[in-house]
Amino acid sequence: MVYSRSLRLALAALTVLAGSLVGVAATPIAANAAITPDSSGGGCAPGGTEGVVVSSCISASGANLEPDTYITKDPGCYAAELHLIDYTAGAMTIHPISCATGHQGPFPTKGTNGHTYRNITVIYLSDGDASSIESPALTFSN
């Protein structure tokens, strides 16, 4: 067979690449290799009372938890907060947020492996009432 010079160079490059990959796919993972699971749970939960419509969310990225919220409707809101709750340690971190509709956050916070967290979005209304919306639970692992 006769190949052009550029085709011969391309074939040579592919041959070298294929040769370097031999053994990669055939390398087995040790049967006792430790596999670390990612965080489980999390996500968003919609809710609200007193005319408030909010989705309270929690997720994880690397070593951090990322609580956030989506405010869709907020009649009479005068203050709002995200409460990141660590149920395992019995601790809470408060992040003040705006009453404006739209996405608020995320607020990256270092997580602790094995701990269970929730984000609670609290909307304080001008009539003295409050609406709180709890995210699904997230068990952290990184």
Foldseek 3Di string as FASTA:
>chain_A
DDDDPVVVVVVVVVVVVVVVCVPVVVDDDDPPDDDWDAKDKWDWDWDKPPFWTKIWTWDDDPQWIWTKMATDDAPQFDWKWKWKAFVVVRDIDIDTDDSDGGIGTGDTDGDDAQIKIKIKIWTQGPVGDIIIDITIIMHGDD
